[in-house]
Structure formats: C-alpha cells, structure tokens
Amino acid sequence: MQLYECYILHRRDYQNSSLLLELFSRELGRLPAIAKGVKSARSKKQGELQSFYPLQLGLVGRGEIRTITTIDSEQRPHLLTGEALYCGLYLSELLMRMTARNDPHPALFEQYEQALSALAQGELLDHTLRYFEINMLKTLGYGLLLNCQATGEALEPDQHYYYRIEYGPEPISACSMGEMTIRGSTLLALSGGEPLSRIAAQEAKRLMRLVLAYYLGAKPLKSRELFRPINPSFKSNH
C-alpha cells in the first residue's frame, strides 16, 4: 500500500474513540481523514497523531473523507515550545485558510517542513515567518513584486513606498508617509531572502498582515489571539 507524507494541521474528537484530522499531504494536498479507534485504551497510535510530526500514512476511501489504515511515525518530530509553538500553529492555520482541499502543492509542503525545522532549531522567528508567508503566496499564485516598482523602475533603498496589492510598490512622498509605507531597502531585502533588521522586520510584518488580510478576508486568524489570555506579555511575530 502506498504511504503518503503528511502533517496534521488540525484534529478533533470524532465519535467515541476516533479522531477527525485535517491533513496536509505532499502528494494529495489538504484533505480530511478519520483515524478510527485511536482513542481506545488498547490503541498506541493516538500519541503519534500530533501536530508537527512527519507522518507516513496509508489512506483509503473515494469519498471526501479518507480513512487512515497505516501510521508510520519513525521520523523525528519538530519539537516546538514557547513562541516557536505559537508560530507553528500560525503556519498551520495559514495553510488551513489559504489552500483548497485536494490541490497538491509539493513545493509548499517542503516550505512548511523547512519552516517547522527552522522554528524547532531556534532560528529567528520573524525571518522564518516572513519568508514562509512570501513563498506560500508565490507558490499559490499570489506572488508579491518586491524587486522593483510597479512600473518596472528600480527601487531606491532610502525611498518610501506604498504597496498596492496585486500591483506592487509605488513611491510616496515624505509628507504623506504613514504606517502602511515600506522602505525600498526592506523590499529589496525581502526579495533577496536576506536577514531583516529590527526596523525592516517591523515593516515586513505590517506589509504581510496587510497582504494576508486581503486574501483571508474579514475572519481573523485564531492563532494570533489563542495564547494572549494565557500570556498577556506575548508579542506576536505574525
């Protein structure tokens, strides 16, 4: 039987002893699946069906919801704690909201896996999140113009720009600068995948919130507020 590379984006109880999972598969894209009987006292598999665990799953069924027949979790999980855990939940929710079911994106699967690995290894959170967001949008066909102006002219590092979604950066005069502006140097850094300074990271976060809000619509992301009541001092990187 073929095994599919998968991550669990979301899970909830189903009937008395089963789980209903939202999977993200390299080969199949995002899809729902039932893990039958894994919550029973005799089952040892529930502990393997966790977020951020690389899984090899056997799946059967021709309807919308597949059934899991085989679970192989021999690869090491991405162990996320603290702020990295919040960021991992955010990435999973982005995939839930931005992808369509049964629409495979192997490149996006790899980007997600790489981002989880970076978070687990303690790499810079802002860097990891921003470049996942940018690469995800590009893979899904919503790529951002970051290396030149909307007109095709070169960006000036010291110039401020207004970013028009689905069009690109446009120059903005100093007298009309506001919080939605971004420097040419920040756009160029994002285009080249470079490390971001503190100011550039702040600008990039504002830009990506604006862009993602455009595509996600009015419904807010739950992961941004999920842990705030528990940890009021937490400062979201996303």
Protein backbone atom coordinates (compact mmCIF):
# COMPACT_ATOMS: atom_id res chain seq x y z
CA MET A 1 0.00 0.00 0.00
CA GLN A 2 1.22 3.50 -0.83
CA LEU A 3 2.11 5.69 2.12
CA TYR A 4 1.62 9.46 1.88
CA GLU A 5 3.82 12.09 3.54
CA CYS A 6 1.57 14.13 5.80
CA TYR A 7 1.36 16.64 8.63
CA ILE A 8 -1.66 17.20 10.83
CA LEU A 9 -2.97 20.76 10.62
CA HIS A 10 -5.96 20.24 12.92
CA ARG A 11 -7.56 17.44 14.91
CA ARG A 12 -10.76 16.92 16.87
CA ASP A 13 -12.60 14.08 18.53
CA TYR A 14 -14.89 12.01 16.34
CA GLN A 15 -17.48 9.65 17.80
CA ASN A 16 -16.29 7.76 20.89
CA SER A 17 -12.81 6.56 20.04
CA SER A 18 -11.75 8.19 16.77
CA LEU A 19 -10.19 11.42 15.54
CA LEU A 20 -11.14 13.59 12.59
CA LEU A 21 -7.96 15.10 11.16
CA GLU A 22 -7.19 17.80 8.63
CA LEU A 23 -4.05 16.61 6.85
CA PHE A 24 -1.54 18.39 4.65
CA SER A 25 -0.01 15.88 2.27
CA ARG A 26 2.85 16.29 -0.16
CA GLU A 27 1.10 14.13 -2.72
CA LEU A 28 -2.59 14.92 -2.10
CA GLY A 29 -2.70 18.45 -0.72
CA ARG A 30 -5.04 19.29 2.15
CA LEU A 31 -7.67 16.70 2.98
CA PRO A 32 -9.76 15.35 5.87
CA ALA A 33 -9.24 11.85 7.24
CA ILE A 34 -10.57 9.69 10.07
CA ALA A 35 -8.28 7.77 12.41
CA LYS A 36 -10.61 5.07 13.73
CA GLY A 37 -10.26 3.67 17.21
CA VAL A 38 -7.04 5.51 18.08
CA LYS A 39 -8.52 6.88 21.35
CA SER A 40 -9.38 3.43 22.67
CA ALA A 41 -7.50 2.08 25.66
CA ARG A 42 -5.80 -0.57 23.55
CA SER A 43 -4.52 1.81 20.87
CA LYS A 44 -0.96 3.12 20.99
CA LYS A 45 -1.33 5.37 17.95
CA GLN A 46 -3.03 8.48 19.36
CA GLY A 47 0.28 9.83 20.66
CA GLU A 48 1.73 9.69 17.15
CA LEU A 49 -1.07 11.76 15.63
CA GLN A 50 0.18 15.16 16.77
CA SER A 51 0.88 18.48 15.11
CA PHE A 52 4.37 18.91 13.65
CA TYR A 53 5.03 15.16 13.44
CA PRO A 54 6.23 13.97 9.99
CA LEU A 55 3.93 11.07 9.21
CA GLN A 56 3.67 8.37 6.58
CA LEU A 57 0.00 7.44 6.32
CA GLY A 58 -1.91 4.79 4.45
CA LEU A 59 -5.22 6.25 3.25
CA VAL A 60 -8.23 4.55 1.71
CA GLY A 61 -11.63 5.69 0.50
CA ARG A 62 -13.02 7.51 -2.50
CA GLY A 63 -15.30 9.96 -0.70
CA GLU A 64 -14.37 13.36 0.62
CA ILE A 65 -13.09 11.94 3.91
CA ARG A 66 -10.40 9.24 3.75
CA THR A 67 -9.75 6.59 6.38
CA ILE A 68 -6.29 6.06 7.83
CA THR A 69 -5.18 2.44 7.69
CA THR A 70 -1.45 2.71 8.45
CA ILE A 71 0.53 5.12 10.63
CA ASP A 72 4.30 5.33 10.38
CA SER A 73 5.92 7.99 12.54
CA GLU A 74 9.52 6.89 12.63
CA GLN A 75 10.90 10.32 11.67
CA ARG A 76 11.77 12.75 14.46
CA PRO A 77 9.03 15.31 15.24
CA HIS A 78 9.63 19.04 15.12
CA LEU A 79 9.53 19.89 18.83
CA LEU A 80 8.22 23.43 19.20
CA THR A 81 7.98 25.25 22.52
CA GLY A 82 7.32 28.79 23.69
CA GLU A 83 6.91 31.38 20.96
CA ALA A 84 8.01 28.85 18.33
CA LEU A 85 4.91 26.79 19.20
CA TYR A 86 2.64 29.80 18.63
CA CYS A 87 4.36 30.39 15.29
CA GLY A 88 3.91 26.76 14.25
CA LEU A 89 0.19 26.96 14.99
CA TYR A 90 0.04 30.14 12.93
CA LEU A 91 1.67 28.45 9.93
CA SER A 92 -0.75 25.54 10.16
CA GLU A 93 -3.74 27.88 10.31
CA LEU A 94 -2.44 29.79 7.30
CA LEU A 95 -2.39 26.55 5.31
CA MET A 96 -5.90 25.72 6.50
CA ARG A 97 -7.18 29.10 5.33
CA MET A 98 -5.13 29.67 2.18
CA THR A 99 -5.18 26.27 0.50
CA ALA A 100 -8.03 24.41 -1.19
CA ARG A 101 -8.67 20.78 -0.43
CA ASN A 102 -7.31 18.13 -2.79
CA ASP A 103 -4.99 20.60 -4.51
CA PRO A 104 -1.42 19.30 -4.12
CA HIS A 105 1.48 21.74 -3.74
CA PRO A 106 4.67 19.71 -3.14
CA ALA A 107 6.77 22.89 -3.02
CA LEU A 108 4.53 24.36 -0.32
CA PHE A 109 4.77 21.11 1.65
CA GLU A 110 8.56 21.45 1.61
CA GLN A 111 8.34 25.12 2.62
CA TYR A 112 6.16 24.19 5.59
CA GLU A 113 8.52 21.40 6.61
CA GLN A 114 11.54 23.71 6.34
CA ALA A 115 9.80 26.40 8.39
CA LEU A 116 8.94 23.91 11.16
CA SER A 117 12.55 22.74 11.20
CA ALA A 118 13.78 26.34 11.44
CA LEU A 119 11.41 27.06 14.33
CA ALA A 120 12.48 23.88 16.16
CA GLN A 121 16.14 24.82 15.75
CA GLY A 122 15.61 28.27 17.26
CA GLU A 123 16.16 30.32 14.12
CA LEU A 124 14.87 33.90 14.04
CA LEU A 125 11.08 33.85 14.20
CA ASP A 126 10.50 36.98 12.11
CA HIS A 127 12.77 35.70 9.37
CA THR A 128 11.13 32.26 9.32
CA LEU A 129 7.56 33.58 9.27
CA ARG A 130 8.04 36.32 6.71
CA TYR A 131 9.76 34.10 4.17
CA PHE A 132 7.23 31.31 4.64
CA GLU A 133 4.42 33.81 4.00
CA ILE A 134 6.14 35.21 0.91
CA ASN A 135 6.96 31.77 -0.52
CA MET A 136 3.49 30.45 0.24
CA LEU A 137 1.86 33.33 -1.65
CA LYS A 138 4.20 32.80 -4.58
CA THR A 139 3.51 29.06 -4.70
CA LEU A 140 -0.26 29.65 -4.61
CA GLY A 141 -0.09 32.16 -7.46
CA TYR A 142 -0.24 35.38 -5.41
CA GLY A 143 3.44 36.31 -5.60
CA LEU A 144 4.49 39.78 -4.45
CA LEU A 145 6.51 42.20 -6.57
CA LEU A 146 9.46 43.00 -4.29
CA ASN A 147 12.48 43.69 -6.51
CA CYS A 148 11.24 46.75 -8.44
CA GLN A 149 8.48 49.33 -8.57
CA ALA A 150 5.10 48.52 -10.06
CA THR A 151 6.16 50.46 -13.15
CA GLY A 152 9.28 48.32 -13.53
CA GLU A 153 11.62 51.08 -12.36
CA ALA A 154 14.34 50.26 -9.85
CA LEU A 155 13.66 50.61 -6.13
CA GLU A 156 15.62 53.24 -4.21
CA PRO A 157 16.72 51.82 -0.86
CA ASP A 158 16.13 55.10 1.00
CA GLN A 159 12.78 55.85 -0.65
CA HIS A 160 9.46 55.03 0.99
CA TYR A 161 6.82 53.19 -0.99
CA TYR A 162 3.15 52.41 -0.74
CA TYR A 163 2.42 48.78 -1.63
CA ARG A 164 -0.65 48.27 -3.82
CA ILE A 165 -1.75 44.64 -3.53
CA GLU A 166 -1.70 42.76 -6.86
CA TYR A 167 0.14 45.70 -8.40
CA GLY A 168 3.33 46.50 -6.49
CA PRO A 169 5.27 49.30 -4.79
CA GLU A 170 4.60 52.93 -5.69
CA PRO A 171 6.65 55.92 -4.50
CA ILE A 172 5.13 58.00 -1.73
CA SER A 173 6.18 61.50 -0.72
CA ALA A 174 7.67 62.16 2.71
CA CYS A 175 4.76 64.43 3.65
CA SER A 176 2.26 61.61 3.18
CA MET A 177 4.21 58.79 4.82
CA GLY A 178 2.12 56.61 7.12
CA GLU A 179 2.18 53.26 8.83
CA MET A 180 1.41 51.41 5.59
CA THR A 181 4.60 52.57 3.90
CA ILE A 182 7.70 50.44 3.47
CA ARG A 183 11.25 51.34 2.56
CA GLY A 184 12.87 50.23 -0.63
CA SER A 185 15.68 48.63 1.38
CA THR A 186 13.15 46.40 3.17
CA LEU A 187 11.53 45.32 -0.09
CA LEU A 188 14.92 44.52 -1.59
CA ALA A 189 15.92 42.52 1.49
CA LEU A 190 12.70 40.51 1.26
CA SER A 191 13.27 39.94 -2.45
CA GLY A 192 16.74 38.56 -1.79
CA GLY A 193 15.82 36.46 1.24
CA GLU A 194 18.22 38.45 3.41
CA PRO A 195 18.18 38.78 7.22
CA LEU A 196 15.97 41.64 8.38
CA SER A 197 16.97 44.47 10.68
CA ARG A 198 14.64 45.37 13.54
CA ILE A 199 13.01 48.18 11.56
CA ALA A 200 12.82 46.08 8.39
CA ALA A 201 11.20 43.23 10.34
CA GLN A 202 8.54 45.60 11.66
CA GLU A 203 7.84 46.97 8.17
CA ALA A 204 7.74 43.49 6.67
CA LYS A 205 5.28 42.29 9.33
CA ARG A 206 2.94 45.20 8.60
CA LEU A 207 3.17 44.54 4.88
CA MET A 208 2.39 40.85 5.21
CA ARG A 209 -0.51 41.47 7.59
CA LEU A 210 -1.98 43.83 5.01
CA VAL A 211 -1.48 41.39 2.14
CA LEU A 212 -2.76 38.34 4.01
CA ALA A 213 -5.82 40.22 5.28
CA TYR A 214 -6.66 40.97 1.65
CA TYR A 215 -6.69 37.28 0.75
CA LEU A 216 -8.07 35.89 4.01
CA GLY A 217 -11.00 38.29 4.30
CA ALA A 218 -12.65 39.60 7.45
CA LYS A 219 -12.39 36.42 9.55
CA PRO A 220 -9.36 36.84 11.86
CA LEU A 221 -6.74 34.18 12.43
CA LYS A 222 -7.41 32.39 15.71
CA SER A 223 -3.73 31.61 16.29
CA ARG A 224 -2.90 35.31 16.71
CA GLU A 225 -5.05 35.56 19.82
CA LEU A 226 -5.08 31.98 21.05
CA PHE A 227 -2.44 32.38 23.75
CA ARG A 228 -2.86 36.07 24.59
CA PRO A 229 -5.23 35.43 27.52
CA ILE A 230 -2.70 32.94 28.92
CA ASN A 231 0.35 35.12 28.32
CA PRO A 232 -0.64 38.83 28.05
CA SER A 233 3.01 39.85 27.53
CA PHE A 234 3.33 37.72 24.40
CA LYS A 235 4.23 39.81 21.38
CA SER A 236 3.05 38.22 18.18
CA ASN A 237 5.60 37.79 15.41
CA HIS A 238 2.79 37.24 12.92
